[in-house]
Amino acid sequence: MEQSKLHYVNEVAKEGMIVAFTKDDKAFSGMIINILADRFEVKTKNTKIYNVMKENVIWVKTGKRWPKGIYQALRGEITSESEGK
């Protein structure tokens, strides 16, 4: 994990913030409802709750828009593996 992403996951992410994460090679997004030592409890728009390990978080949304690569991953246009290529 990049140093800056690690900073955002550990220091900036707070309850109520939106994160993008991977689960079974697919990207999802949801709101942090609880922060634990090594993971977040995240509630998606369709009310599913996931326990997301911090290393599976791909972006912490701090602005109004997703970066293009994250947005494409959330739409299923690219996989998390092909993101960095």
N, C-alpha and C. Protein backbone atom coordinates (compact mmCIF):
# COMPACT_ATOMS: atom_id res chain seq x y z
N MET A 1 0.85 -1.17 0.00
CA MET A 1 0.00 0.00 0.00
C MET A 1 0.90 1.24 0.00
N GLU A 2 0.56 2.22 -0.79
CA GLU A 2 1.33 3.45 -0.85
C GLU A 2 1.33 4.16 0.49
N GLN A 3 2.38 4.95 0.72
CA GLN A 3 2.47 5.68 1.98
C GLN A 3 1.31 6.66 2.14
N SER A 4 0.95 7.38 1.08
CA SER A 4 -0.13 8.36 1.21
C SER A 4 -1.48 7.67 1.43
N LYS A 5 -1.71 6.54 0.76
CA LYS A 5 -2.96 5.81 0.96
C LYS A 5 -3.02 5.28 2.39
N LEU A 6 -1.91 4.80 2.88
CA LEU A 6 -1.82 4.31 4.25
C LEU A 6 -2.16 5.44 5.23
N HIS A 7 -1.67 6.63 4.96
CA HIS A 7 -1.99 7.79 5.80
C HIS A 7 -3.49 8.06 5.80
N TYR A 8 -4.12 8.05 4.62
CA TYR A 8 -5.55 8.32 4.53
C TYR A 8 -6.36 7.24 5.24
N VAL A 9 -5.97 5.98 5.06
CA VAL A 9 -6.71 4.88 5.68
C VAL A 9 -6.60 4.93 7.20
N ASN A 10 -5.41 5.21 7.70
CA ASN A 10 -5.19 5.17 9.15
C ASN A 10 -5.48 6.48 9.87
N GLU A 11 -5.28 7.62 9.21
CA GLU A 11 -5.38 8.90 9.90
C GLU A 11 -6.59 9.75 9.48
N VAL A 12 -6.94 9.72 8.21
CA VAL A 12 -7.98 10.62 7.70
C VAL A 12 -9.37 9.98 7.76
N ALA A 13 -9.46 8.69 7.48
CA ALA A 13 -10.77 8.01 7.42
C ALA A 13 -11.47 8.07 8.78
N LYS A 14 -12.70 8.53 8.74
CA LYS A 14 -13.52 8.65 9.95
C LYS A 14 -14.89 8.04 9.67
N GLU A 15 -15.63 7.74 10.72
CA GLU A 15 -17.00 7.24 10.56
C GLU A 15 -17.81 8.25 9.75
N GLY A 16 -18.60 7.74 8.81
CA GLY A 16 -19.41 8.59 7.96
C GLY A 16 -18.77 8.89 6.62
N MET A 17 -17.47 8.61 6.47
CA MET A 17 -16.79 8.85 5.19
C MET A 17 -17.04 7.68 4.24
N ILE A 18 -16.94 7.96 2.96
CA ILE A 18 -17.14 6.95 1.93
C ILE A 18 -15.78 6.40 1.51
N VAL A 19 -15.71 5.07 1.36
CA VAL A 19 -14.49 4.42 0.89
C VAL A 19 -14.82 3.48 -0.27
N ALA A 20 -13.83 3.26 -1.12
CA ALA A 20 -13.92 2.23 -2.14
C ALA A 20 -13.03 1.09 -1.66
N PHE A 21 -13.49 -0.14 -1.87
CA PHE A 21 -12.74 -1.30 -1.40
C PHE A 21 -12.94 -2.47 -2.35
N THR A 22 -12.07 -3.45 -2.24
CA THR A 22 -12.19 -4.64 -3.07
C THR A 22 -12.65 -5.81 -2.24
N LYS A 23 -13.46 -6.64 -2.85
CA LYS A 23 -13.94 -7.89 -2.25
C LYS A 23 -14.12 -8.87 -3.39
N ASP A 24 -13.46 -10.00 -3.33
CA ASP A 24 -13.55 -11.02 -4.38
C ASP A 24 -13.25 -10.44 -5.76
N ASP A 25 -12.19 -9.64 -5.86
CA ASP A 25 -11.74 -9.03 -7.12
C ASP A 25 -12.73 -8.06 -7.75
N LYS A 26 -13.69 -7.57 -6.98
CA LYS A 26 -14.63 -6.56 -7.46
C LYS A 26 -14.52 -5.35 -6.54
N ALA A 27 -14.78 -4.18 -7.10
CA ALA A 27 -14.72 -2.95 -6.31
C ALA A 27 -16.13 -2.55 -5.86
N PHE A 28 -16.22 -2.10 -4.62
CA PHE A 28 -17.46 -1.64 -4.03
C PHE A 28 -17.19 -0.32 -3.31
N SER A 29 -18.25 0.37 -2.97
CA SER A 29 -18.10 1.57 -2.14
C SER A 29 -19.16 1.55 -1.06
N GLY A 30 -18.86 2.24 0.02
CA GLY A 30 -19.81 2.32 1.12
C GLY A 30 -19.33 3.28 2.17
N MET A 31 -20.18 3.50 3.17
CA MET A 31 -19.89 4.43 4.26
C MET A 31 -19.33 3.67 5.45
N ILE A 32 -18.29 4.23 6.03
CA ILE A 32 -17.70 3.65 7.24
C ILE A 32 -18.69 3.86 8.39
N ILE A 33 -19.08 2.76 9.04
CA ILE A 33 -19.97 2.89 10.19
C ILE A 33 -19.26 2.57 11.50
N ASN A 34 -18.10 1.91 11.42
CA ASN A 34 -17.33 1.60 12.62
C ASN A 34 -15.88 1.37 12.22
N ILE A 35 -14.96 1.87 13.03
CA ILE A 35 -13.53 1.70 12.77
C ILE A 35 -12.94 0.82 13.85
N LEU A 36 -12.33 -0.26 13.43
CA LEU A 36 -11.65 -1.17 14.35
C LEU A 36 -10.15 -1.10 14.07
N ALA A 37 -9.35 -1.78 14.83
CA ALA A 37 -7.89 -1.68 14.71
C ALA A 37 -7.38 -2.03 13.32
N ASP A 38 -7.90 -3.11 12.73
CA ASP A 38 -7.37 -3.58 11.45
C ASP A 38 -8.38 -3.55 10.32
N ARG A 39 -9.58 -3.06 10.59
CA ARG A 39 -10.62 -3.09 9.55
C ARG A 39 -11.69 -2.03 9.80
N PHE A 40 -12.50 -1.82 8.77
CA PHE A 40 -13.65 -0.93 8.85
C PHE A 40 -14.91 -1.77 8.70
N GLU A 41 -15.97 -1.39 9.36
CA GLU A 41 -17.29 -1.91 9.06
C GLU A 41 -17.91 -0.89 8.11
N VAL A 42 -18.28 -1.36 6.91
CA VAL A 42 -18.75 -0.48 5.85
C VAL A 42 -20.15 -0.90 5.44
N LYS A 43 -21.04 0.08 5.32
CA LYS A 43 -22.42 -0.17 4.89
C LYS A 43 -22.58 0.38 3.48
N THR A 44 -22.99 -0.49 2.56
CA THR A 44 -23.17 -0.08 1.17
C THR A 44 -24.54 0.57 0.98
N LYS A 45 -24.74 1.11 -0.20
CA LYS A 45 -25.99 1.81 -0.52
C LYS A 45 -27.21 0.88 -0.38
N ASN A 46 -27.00 -0.42 -0.70
CA ASN A 46 -28.12 -1.37 -0.59
C ASN A 46 -28.17 -2.03 0.78
N THR A 47 -27.59 -1.39 1.78
CA THR A 47 -27.61 -1.73 3.21
C THR A 47 -26.86 -3.00 3.59
N LYS A 48 -26.02 -3.54 2.71
CA LYS A 48 -25.17 -4.67 3.12
C LYS A 48 -24.02 -4.13 3.95
N ILE A 49 -23.62 -4.90 4.95
CA ILE A 49 -22.52 -4.50 5.81
C ILE A 49 -21.35 -5.45 5.58
N TYR A 50 -20.19 -4.86 5.31
CA TYR A 50 -18.96 -5.62 5.07
C TYR A 50 -17.93 -5.27 6.13
N ASN A 51 -17.16 -6.26 6.53
CA ASN A 51 -15.97 -6.04 7.34
C ASN A 51 -14.81 -5.97 6.36
N VAL A 52 -14.26 -4.78 6.17
CA VAL A 52 -13.25 -4.55 5.15
C VAL A 52 -11.90 -4.37 5.83
N MET A 53 -10.97 -5.25 5.52
CA MET A 53 -9.61 -5.09 6.03
C MET A 53 -9.03 -3.81 5.45
N LYS A 54 -8.25 -3.10 6.25
CA LYS A 54 -7.73 -1.81 5.80
C LYS A 54 -6.87 -1.93 4.54
N GLU A 55 -6.19 -3.05 4.35
CA GLU A 55 -5.37 -3.22 3.15
C GLU A 55 -6.22 -3.40 1.88
N ASN A 56 -7.52 -3.68 2.04
CA ASN A 56 -8.41 -3.81 0.88
C ASN A 56 -9.09 -2.51 0.49
N VAL A 57 -8.84 -1.44 1.24
CA VAL A 57 -9.39 -0.13 0.88
C VAL A 57 -8.54 0.43 -0.26
N ILE A 58 -9.20 0.82 -1.36
CA ILE A 58 -8.45 1.36 -2.49
C ILE A 58 -8.52 2.88 -2.56
N TRP A 59 -9.51 3.48 -1.88
CA TRP A 59 -9.59 4.94 -1.90
C TRP A 59 -10.49 5.42 -0.76
N VAL A 60 -10.09 6.52 -0.16
CA VAL A 60 -10.91 7.20 0.84
C VAL A 60 -11.41 8.47 0.15
N LYS A 61 -12.71 8.61 0.02
CA LYS A 61 -13.28 9.74 -0.72
C LYS A 61 -13.32 10.97 0.18
N THR A 62 -12.53 11.97 -0.19
CA THR A 62 -12.49 13.21 0.58
C THR A 62 -13.11 14.37 -0.18
N GLY A 63 -13.31 14.21 -1.49
CA GLY A 63 -13.91 15.26 -2.31
C GLY A 63 -15.27 14.84 -2.81
N LYS A 64 -15.72 15.51 -3.87
CA LYS A 64 -17.04 15.22 -4.42
C LYS A 64 -17.02 14.11 -5.46
N ARG A 65 -15.87 13.86 -6.07
CA ARG A 65 -15.80 12.89 -7.17
C ARG A 65 -14.76 11.82 -6.90
N TRP A 66 -14.96 10.66 -7.56
CA TRP A 66 -13.96 9.59 -7.53
C TRP A 66 -12.92 9.87 -8.60
N PRO A 67 -11.67 9.48 -8.40
CA PRO A 67 -10.69 9.53 -9.49
C PRO A 67 -11.14 8.59 -10.61
N LYS A 68 -10.74 8.86 -11.83
CA LYS A 68 -11.22 8.12 -13.00
C LYS A 68 -11.01 6.61 -12.85
N GLY A 69 -9.83 6.18 -12.42
CA GLY A 69 -9.55 4.74 -12.29
C GLY A 69 -10.41 4.06 -11.25
N ILE A 70 -10.67 4.73 -10.15
CA ILE A 70 -11.52 4.18 -9.09
C ILE A 70 -12.96 4.11 -9.59
N TYR A 71 -13.41 5.17 -10.25
CA TYR A 71 -14.77 5.20 -10.80
C TYR A 71 -14.98 4.05 -11.79
N GLN A 72 -14.00 3.83 -12.65
CA GLN A 72 -14.10 2.73 -13.62
C GLN A 72 -14.13 1.38 -12.92
N ALA A 73 -13.34 1.22 -11.87
CA ALA A 73 -13.34 -0.04 -11.12
C ALA A 73 -14.69 -0.27 -10.46
N LEU A 74 -15.28 0.78 -9.90
CA LEU A 74 -16.59 0.65 -9.25
C LEU A 74 -17.68 0.29 -10.26
N ARG A 75 -17.53 0.75 -11.47
CA ARG A 75 -18.49 0.43 -12.53
C ARG A 75 -18.24 -0.94 -13.14
N GLY A 76 -17.13 -1.59 -12.77
CA GLY A 76 -16.82 -2.90 -13.31
C GLY A 76 -16.08 -2.85 -14.63
N GLU A 77 -15.62 -1.67 -15.04
CA GLU A 77 -14.93 -1.52 -16.31
C GLU A 77 -13.50 -2.04 -16.25
N ILE A 78 -12.88 -1.99 -15.08
CA ILE A 78 -11.55 -2.55 -14.88
C ILE A 78 -11.54 -3.30 -13.56
N THR A 79 -10.66 -4.28 -13.46
CA THR A 79 -10.54 -5.03 -12.21
C THR A 79 -9.50 -4.39 -11.35
N SER A 80 -9.49 -4.70 -10.08
CA SER A 80 -8.51 -4.12 -9.16
C SER A 80 -7.10 -4.53 -9.54
N GLU A 81 -6.92 -5.69 -10.17
CA GLU A 81 -5.60 -6.15 -10.58
C GLU A 81 -5.06 -5.36 -11.75
N SER A 82 -5.92 -4.92 -12.68
CA SER A 82 -5.45 -4.19 -13.84
C SER A 82 -5.36 -2.69 -13.58
N GLU A 83 -5.74 -2.25 -12.40
CA GLU A 83 -5.74 -0.84 -12.06
C GLU A 83 -4.38 -0.18 -12.21
N GLY A 84 -3.36 -0.82 -11.70
CA GLY A 84 -2.03 -0.22 -11.73
C GLY A 84 -1.29 -0.44 -13.03
N LYS A 85 -1.86 -1.12 -13.98
CA LYS A 85 -1.15 -1.43 -15.23
C LYS A 85 -1.48 -0.45 -16.32
